[in-house]
């Protein structure tokens, strides 16, 4: 049975994004990779701010894991749409997470990969984009990835961001910098008729068990 906008809005209430401090297994060092070592102590994550049109005040709930190595953000309005029932500004939604990450002494980290999942209904001729960017406060280096979708489309979607070792954006050693993750959903009516149809993309899933997992790469800081 095809999904509708009401189904997506219901599922969005259970949508979750999880930042998992997954340590990469120790590997043989190479000149390109440097030293890949999992730090002996746990990483501690604190939430500084959560804001954006996809997660306005009161629509995003944050839960931090007991061991502080992961957190979950549950959204209730992270959905971009165009056409019937949509406001002019609904075509783009975003959510920015500003994180305080306490890293064990002598180590630095970078986001090596991220998995995103959701649901989209796109009429023939309509398009959508899921985008994410990662950067440290005060740093000019930004890692970003964009995933396009094209109608007709009426199904779950899955996108993975992966960064080569040489392109990783590392946290500055010995300096405390907040880490930012900015996600975006965007829909374009294209050649579809927005006066008669509705197209949308959301961070959701059929069973509500949706997780965005960020895997971290580690290396030792050099004196």
C-alpha atoms as a PDB file:
ATOM      1  CA  UNK A   1       0.000   0.000   0.000  1.00  0.00           C
ATOM      2  CA  UNK A   2       1.605   3.347  -1.013  1.00  0.00           C
ATOM      3  CA  UNK A   3       2.736   5.649   1.755  1.00  0.00           C
ATOM      4  CA  UNK A   4       1.142   9.078   2.130  1.00  0.00           C
ATOM      5  CA  UNK A   5       2.228  12.361   3.687  1.00  0.00           C
ATOM      6  CA  UNK A   6       0.232  11.563   6.838  1.00  0.00           C
ATOM      7  CA  UNK A   7       2.086   8.262   7.182  1.00  0.00           C
ATOM      8  CA  UNK A   8       5.402  10.093   6.898  1.00  0.00           C
ATOM      9  CA  UNK A   9       4.442  12.688   9.498  1.00  0.00           C
ATOM     10  CA  UNK A  10       3.443   9.908  11.892  1.00  0.00           C
ATOM     11  CA  UNK A  11       6.708   8.061  11.323  1.00  0.00           C
ATOM     12  CA  UNK A  12       8.690  11.276  11.713  1.00  0.00           C
ATOM     13  CA  UNK A  13       7.586  11.373  15.333  1.00  0.00           C
ATOM     14  CA  UNK A  14       9.741   8.318  15.897  1.00  0.00           C
ATOM     15  CA  UNK A  15      12.629   9.394  13.688  1.00  0.00           C
ATOM     16  CA  UNK A  16      15.988   9.229  15.425  1.00  0.00           C
ATOM     17  CA  UNK A  17      19.537  10.278  14.576  1.00  0.00           C
ATOM     18  CA  UNK A  18      22.247   8.511  16.531  1.00  0.00           C
ATOM     19  CA  UNK A  19      25.848   9.636  16.881  1.00  0.00           C
ATOM     20  CA  UNK A  20      27.765   6.509  17.830  1.00  0.00           C
ATOM     21  CA  UNK A  21      31.351   6.883  18.967  1.00  0.00           C
ATOM     22  CA  UNK A  22      32.394   3.736  17.140  1.00  0.00           C
ATOM     23  CA  UNK A  23      36.125   3.264  17.413  1.00  0.00           C
ATOM     24  CA  UNK A  24      37.832   1.900  14.328  1.00  0.00           C
ATOM     25  CA  UNK A  25      39.682  -1.332  15.004  1.00  0.00           C
ATOM     26  CA  UNK A  26      43.469  -0.918  15.254  1.00  0.00           C
ATOM     27  CA  UNK A  27      45.049  -1.379  11.840  1.00  0.00           C
ATOM     28  CA  UNK A  28      48.519  -1.563  10.361  1.00  0.00           C
ATOM     29  CA  UNK A  29      49.980   1.918   9.994  1.00  0.00           C
ATOM     30  CA  UNK A  30      50.814   3.265   6.554  1.00  0.00           C
ATOM     31  CA  UNK A  31      52.368   6.523   5.386  1.00  0.00           C
ATOM     32  CA  UNK A  32      48.973   7.654   4.086  1.00  0.00           C
ATOM     33  CA  UNK A  33      46.976   6.669   7.120  1.00  0.00           C
ATOM     34  CA  UNK A  34      49.354   7.443   9.966  1.00  0.00           C
ATOM     35  CA  UNK A  35      48.627   5.672  13.239  1.00  0.00           C
ATOM     36  CA  UNK A  36      45.090   4.349  13.734  1.00  0.00           C
ATOM     37  CA  UNK A  37      44.690   3.713  17.444  1.00  0.00           C
ATOM     38  CA  UNK A  38      41.506   3.488  19.467  1.00  0.00           C
ATOM     39  CA  UNK A  39      41.916   5.659  22.593  1.00  0.00           C
ATOM     40  CA  UNK A  40      41.835   3.724  25.887  1.00  0.00           C
ATOM     41  CA  UNK A  41      39.326   6.084  27.521  1.00  0.00           C
ATOM     42  CA  UNK A  42      35.733   6.714  26.507  1.00  0.00           C
ATOM     43  CA  UNK A  43      34.613   9.750  24.572  1.00  0.00           C
ATOM     44  CA  UNK A  44      32.085  12.073  26.227  1.00  0.00           C
ATOM     45  CA  UNK A  45      29.553  13.975  24.103  1.00  0.00           C
ATOM     46  CA  UNK A  46      27.548  16.984  25.247  1.00  0.00           C
ATOM     47  CA  UNK A  47      24.882  18.829  23.270  1.00  0.00           C
ATOM     48  CA  UNK A  48      25.520  22.578  22.978  1.00  0.00           C
ATOM     49  CA  UNK A  49      22.617  23.518  20.683  1.00  0.00           C
ATOM     50  CA  UNK A  50      20.091  21.936  18.318  1.00  0.00           C
ATOM     51  CA  UNK A  51      18.297  24.266  15.925  1.00  0.00           C
ATOM     52  CA  UNK A  52      16.943  24.621  12.415  1.00  0.00           C
ATOM     53  CA  UNK A  53      13.698  24.575  10.451  1.00  0.00           C
ATOM     54  CA  UNK A  54      13.695  20.774  10.595  1.00  0.00           C
ATOM     55  CA  UNK A  55      14.037  20.744  14.378  1.00  0.00           C
ATOM     56  CA  UNK A  56      12.468  23.942  15.809  1.00  0.00           C
ATOM     57  CA  UNK A  57      12.195  24.406  19.571  1.00  0.00           C
ATOM     58  CA  UNK A  58      10.069  21.723  21.187  1.00  0.00           C
ATOM     59  CA  UNK A  59      10.155  19.310  18.229  1.00  0.00           C
ATOM     60  CA  UNK A  60      13.475  17.585  18.882  1.00  0.00           C
ATOM     61  CA  UNK A  61      14.180  15.466  21.960  1.00  0.00           C
ATOM     62  CA  UNK A  62      17.737  14.496  22.883  1.00  0.00           C
ATOM     63  CA  UNK A  63      18.741  11.417  24.848  1.00  0.00           C
ATOM     64  CA  UNK A  64      22.382  10.689  25.727  1.00  0.00           C
ATOM     65  CA  UNK A  65      23.485   7.100  26.264  1.00  0.00           C
ATOM     66  CA  UNK A  66      24.364   6.183  29.896  1.00  0.00           C
ATOM     67  CA  UNK A  67      28.040   5.774  29.004  1.00  0.00           C
ATOM     68  CA  UNK A  68      28.076   9.102  27.091  1.00  0.00           C
ATOM     69  CA  UNK A  69      29.378   7.427  23.941  1.00  0.00           C
ATOM     70  CA  UNK A  70      26.241   8.040  21.849  1.00  0.00           C
ATOM     71  CA  UNK A  71      23.192  10.247  21.666  1.00  0.00           C
ATOM     72  CA  UNK A  72      19.797  10.077  20.006  1.00  0.00           C
ATOM     73  CA  UNK A  73      17.780  12.958  18.587  1.00  0.00           C
ATOM     74  CA  UNK A  74      14.093  12.256  17.991  1.00  0.00           C
ATOM     75  CA  UNK A  75      12.391  14.582  15.499  1.00  0.00           C
ATOM     76  CA  UNK A  76       8.700  15.270  14.975  1.00  0.00           C
ATOM     77  CA  UNK A  77       8.789  17.794  12.100  1.00  0.00           C
ATOM     78  CA  UNK A  78      11.830  16.968   9.961  1.00  0.00           C
ATOM     79  CA  UNK A  79      10.086  16.844   6.592  1.00  0.00           C
ATOM     80  CA  UNK A  80      10.512  18.907   3.410  1.00  0.00           C
ATOM     81  CA  UNK A  81       7.644  19.104   0.905  1.00  0.00           C
ATOM     82  CA  UNK A  82       6.205  20.951  -2.079  1.00  0.00           C
ATOM     83  CA  UNK A  83       2.707  21.020  -3.559  1.00  0.00           C
ATOM     84  CA  UNK A  84      -0.669  20.452  -1.941  1.00  0.00           C
ATOM     85  CA  UNK A  85      -0.690  21.391   1.737  1.00  0.00           C
ATOM     86  CA  UNK A  86       2.852  22.802   1.677  1.00  0.00           C
ATOM     87  CA  UNK A  87       3.923  26.317   2.612  1.00  0.00           C
ATOM     88  CA  UNK A  88       6.318  28.202   0.296  1.00  0.00           C
ATOM     89  CA  UNK A  89       9.166  27.694   2.791  1.00  0.00           C
ATOM     90  CA  UNK A  90       8.547  23.957   3.266  1.00  0.00           C
ATOM     91  CA  UNK A  91      10.674  22.958   0.265  1.00  0.00           C
ATOM     92  CA  UNK A  92      13.834  23.067   2.438  1.00  0.00           C
ATOM     93  CA  UNK A  93      14.379  21.919   6.021  1.00  0.00           C
ATOM     94  CA  UNK A  94      17.616  21.663   7.968  1.00  0.00           C
ATOM     95  CA  UNK A  95      18.890  20.806  11.427  1.00  0.00           C
ATOM     96  CA  UNK A  96      22.240  21.780  12.923  1.00  0.00           C
ATOM     97  CA  UNK A  97      23.734  19.939  15.875  1.00  0.00           C
ATOM     98  CA  UNK A  98      26.472  21.735  17.795  1.00  0.00           C
ATOM     99  CA  UNK A  99      28.395  19.239  19.911  1.00  0.00           C
ATOM    100  CA  UNK A 100      30.943  19.481  22.688  1.00  0.00           C
ATOM    101  CA  UNK A 101      33.139  16.396  22.361  1.00  0.00           C
ATOM    102  CA  UNK A 102      35.562  15.550  25.167  1.00  0.00           C
ATOM    103  CA  UNK A 103      38.372  13.493  23.650  1.00  0.00           C
ATOM    104  CA  UNK A 104      40.871  11.448  25.682  1.00  0.00           C
ATOM    105  CA  UNK A 105      44.207  13.256  26.111  1.00  0.00           C
ATOM    106  CA  UNK A 106      46.650  12.774  23.273  1.00  0.00           C
ATOM    107  CA  UNK A 107      44.047  11.812  20.663  1.00  0.00           C
ATOM    108  CA  UNK A 108      42.097  13.494  17.898  1.00  0.00           C
ATOM    109  CA  UNK A 109      39.158  12.274  15.831  1.00  0.00           C
ATOM    110  CA  UNK A 110      37.284  12.745  12.557  1.00  0.00           C
ATOM    111  CA  UNK A 111      33.997  11.499  11.129  1.00  0.00           C
ATOM    112  CA  UNK A 112      34.906   8.665   8.760  1.00  0.00           C
ATOM    113  CA  UNK A 113      31.404   7.676   7.612  1.00  0.00           C
ATOM    114  CA  UNK A 114      27.718   8.315   8.258  1.00  0.00           C
ATOM    115  CA  UNK A 115      24.568   6.394   7.332  1.00  0.00           C
ATOM    116  CA  UNK A 116      21.265   8.223   6.760  1.00  0.00           C
ATOM    117  CA  UNK A 117      17.840   6.684   6.213  1.00  0.00           C
ATOM    118  CA  UNK A 118      14.381   8.083   5.575  1.00  0.00           C
ATOM    119  CA  UNK A 119      11.311   7.979   3.353  1.00  0.00           C
ATOM    120  CA  UNK A 120      10.413   9.938   0.225  1.00  0.00           C
ATOM    121  CA  UNK A 121       7.420  10.305  -2.069  1.00  0.00           C
ATOM    122  CA  UNK A 122       8.312  12.135  -5.282  1.00  0.00           C
ATOM    123  CA  UNK A 123       5.904  12.673  -8.156  1.00  0.00           C
ATOM    124  CA  UNK A 124       7.196  12.151 -11.725  1.00  0.00           C
ATOM    125  CA  UNK A 125       9.392  15.135 -12.548  1.00  0.00           C
ATOM    126  CA  UNK A 126      10.057  16.082  -8.907  1.00  0.00           C
ATOM    127  CA  UNK A 127      13.503  15.831  -7.295  1.00  0.00           C
ATOM    128  CA  UNK A 128      14.910  15.823  -3.770  1.00  0.00           C
ATOM    129  CA  UNK A 129      18.309  16.167  -2.097  1.00  0.00           C
ATOM    130  CA  UNK A 130      19.704  15.025   1.236  1.00  0.00           C
ATOM    131  CA  UNK A 131      22.867  16.834   2.294  1.00  0.00           C
ATOM    132  CA  UNK A 132      25.140  16.796   5.321  1.00  0.00           C
ATOM    133  CA  UNK A 133      28.201  18.831   6.254  1.00  0.00           C
ATOM    134  CA  UNK A 134      30.659  18.419   9.108  1.00  0.00           C
ATOM    135  CA  UNK A 135      33.039  21.036  10.475  1.00  0.00           C
ATOM    136  CA  UNK A 136      34.764  22.224  13.624  1.00  0.00           C
ATOM    137  CA  UNK A 137      33.931  25.638  15.012  1.00  0.00           C
ATOM    138  CA  UNK A 138      36.439  28.217  13.796  1.00  0.00           C
ATOM    139  CA  UNK A 139      37.964  25.913  11.188  1.00  0.00           C
ATOM    140  CA  UNK A 140      37.794  26.592   7.429  1.00  0.00           C
ATOM    141  CA  UNK A 141      37.839  22.866   6.617  1.00  0.00           C
ATOM    142  CA  UNK A 142      34.421  21.366   5.894  1.00  0.00           C
ATOM    143  CA  UNK A 143      33.455  17.867   4.785  1.00  0.00           C
ATOM    144  CA  UNK A 144      30.160  17.634   2.892  1.00  0.00           C
ATOM    145  CA  UNK A 145      28.189  15.114   0.851  1.00  0.00           C
ATOM    146  CA  UNK A 146      25.010  15.381  -1.231  1.00  0.00           C
ATOM    147  CA  UNK A 147      22.640  12.593  -2.291  1.00  0.00           C
ATOM    148  CA  UNK A 148      20.030  13.291  -5.025  1.00  0.00           C
ATOM    149  CA  UNK A 149      16.705  11.500  -5.585  1.00  0.00           C
ATOM    150  CA  UNK A 150      14.436  11.705  -8.623  1.00  0.00           C
ATOM    151  CA  UNK A 151      10.735  10.969  -9.080  1.00  0.00           C
ATOM    152  CA  UNK A 152       8.755   8.913  -9.566  1.00  0.00           C
ATOM    153  CA  UNK A 153       9.835   7.590  -6.166  1.00  0.00           C
ATOM    154  CA  UNK A 154       7.799   6.185  -3.282  1.00  0.00           C
ATOM    155  CA  UNK A 155      10.021   4.216  -0.952  1.00  0.00           C
ATOM    156  CA  UNK A 156      12.547   4.253   1.869  1.00  0.00           C
ATOM    157  CA  UNK A 157      15.881   5.883   1.047  1.00  0.00           C
ATOM    158  CA  UNK A 158      19.368   5.240   2.358  1.00  0.00           C
ATOM    159  CA  UNK A 159      22.458   7.410   1.909  1.00  0.00           C
ATOM    160  CA  UNK A 160      26.027   6.826   3.110  1.00  0.00           C
ATOM    161  CA  UNK A 161      28.778   9.415   3.442  1.00  0.00           C
ATOM    162  CA  UNK A 162      32.309   8.010   3.378  1.00  0.00           C
ATOM    163  CA  UNK A 163      35.546   9.997   3.516  1.00  0.00           C
ATOM    164  CA  UNK A 164      38.979   8.814   2.384  1.00  0.00           C
ATOM    165  CA  UNK A 165      41.663   8.973   5.051  1.00  0.00           C
ATOM    166  CA  UNK A 166      43.547  11.768   3.292  1.00  0.00           C
ATOM    167  CA  UNK A 167      40.383  13.923   3.145  1.00  0.00           C
ATOM    168  CA  UNK A 168      39.273  13.533   6.764  1.00  0.00           C
ATOM    169  CA  UNK A 169      38.672  16.741   8.719  1.00  0.00           C
ATOM    170  CA  UNK A 170      40.424  16.221  12.066  1.00  0.00           C
ATOM    171  CA  UNK A 171      39.743  17.966  15.355  1.00  0.00           C
ATOM    172  CA  UNK A 172      42.607  20.346  16.239  1.00  0.00           C
ATOM    173  CA  UNK A 173      44.973  18.738  18.737  1.00  0.00           C
ATOM    174  CA  UNK A 174      45.105  20.426  22.128  1.00  0.00           C
ATOM    175  CA  UNK A 175      42.302  22.868  21.271  1.00  0.00           C
ATOM    176  CA  UNK A 176      38.654  22.600  22.312  1.00  0.00           C
ATOM    177  CA  UNK A 177      36.436  23.202  19.288  1.00  0.00           C
ATOM    178  CA  UNK A 178      32.732  22.406  19.093  1.00  0.00           C
ATOM    179  CA  UNK A 179      31.816  19.998  16.307  1.00  0.00           C
ATOM    180  CA  UNK A 180      28.933  20.848  13.977  1.00  0.00           C
ATOM    181  CA  UNK A 181      26.752  18.486  11.942  1.00  0.00           C
ATOM    182  CA  UNK A 182      24.334  20.256   9.605  1.00  0.00           C
ATOM    183  CA  UNK A 183      21.820  18.098   7.724  1.00  0.00           C
ATOM    184  CA  UNK A 184      19.425  19.308   5.044  1.00  0.00           C
ATOM    185  CA  UNK A 185      16.404  17.987   3.141  1.00  0.00           C
ATOM    186  CA  UNK A 186      15.258  19.786  -0.021  1.00  0.00           C
ATOM    187  CA  UNK A 187      12.468  19.109  -2.563  1.00  0.00           C
ATOM    188  CA  UNK A 188      11.900  20.645  -6.007  1.00  0.00           C
ATOM    189  CA  UNK A 189       8.592  20.227  -7.853  1.00  0.00           C
ATOM    190  CA  UNK A 190      10.409  20.222 -11.194  1.00  0.00           C
ATOM    191  CA  UNK A 191       8.013  19.340 -13.997  1.00  0.00           C
ATOM    192  CA  UNK A 192       5.379  17.905 -11.618  1.00  0.00           C
ATOM    193  CA  UNK A 193       2.225  19.912 -10.960  1.00  0.00           C
ATOM    194  CA  UNK A 194       2.386  21.321  -7.375  1.00  0.00           C
ATOM    195  CA  UNK A 195      -1.215  22.504  -7.696  1.00  0.00           C
ATOM    196  CA  UNK A 196      -2.417  18.903  -7.916  1.00  0.00           C
ATOM    197  CA  UNK A 197       0.268  16.783  -6.243  1.00  0.00           C
ATOM    198  CA  UNK A 198       2.517  16.655  -3.183  1.00  0.00           C
ATOM    199  CA  UNK A 199       6.149  15.510  -3.055  1.00  0.00           C
ATOM    200  CA  UNK A 200       8.157  15.135   0.141  1.00  0.00           C
ATOM    201  CA  UNK A 201      11.286  13.698   1.736  1.00  0.00           C
ATOM    202  CA  UNK A 202      11.635  12.933   5.434  1.00  0.00           C
ATOM    203  CA  UNK A 203      14.013  11.419   7.944  1.00  0.00           C
ATOM    204  CA  UNK A 204      11.724   8.529   8.861  1.00  0.00           C
ATOM    205  CA  UNK A 205      11.097   4.814   8.451  1.00  0.00           C
ATOM    206  CA  UNK A 206       8.161   2.418   8.338  1.00  0.00           C
ATOM    207  CA  UNK A 207       8.853   0.985  11.788  1.00  0.00           C
ATOM    208  CA  UNK A 208      10.176   4.178  13.325  1.00  0.00           C
ATOM    209  CA  UNK A 209      13.552   2.547  14.042  1.00  0.00           C
ATOM    210  CA  UNK A 210      15.662   4.983  12.067  1.00  0.00           C
ATOM    211  CA  UNK A 211      19.231   5.737  13.041  1.00  0.00           C
ATOM    212  CA  UNK A 212      21.902   7.956  11.567  1.00  0.00           C
ATOM    213  CA  UNK A 213      25.213   6.503  12.690  1.00  0.00           C
ATOM    214  CA  UNK A 214      28.432   8.498  12.601  1.00  0.00           C
ATOM    215  CA  UNK A 215      31.601   6.383  12.780  1.00  0.00           C
ATOM    216  CA  UNK A 216      34.729   8.044  14.088  1.00  0.00           C
ATOM    217  CA  UNK A 217      38.332   7.596  13.004  1.00  0.00           C
ATOM    218  CA  UNK A 218      41.065   8.144  15.605  1.00  0.00           C
ATOM    219  CA  UNK A 219      44.752   9.039  15.603  1.00  0.00           C
ATOM    220  CA  UNK A 220      47.313  10.131  18.159  1.00  0.00           C
ATOM    221  CA  UNK A 221      48.332  13.765  18.343  1.00  0.00           C
ATOM    222  CA  UNK A 222      52.014  14.349  17.720  1.00  0.00           C
ATOM    223  CA  UNK A 223      53.973  16.689  19.950  1.00  0.00           C
END
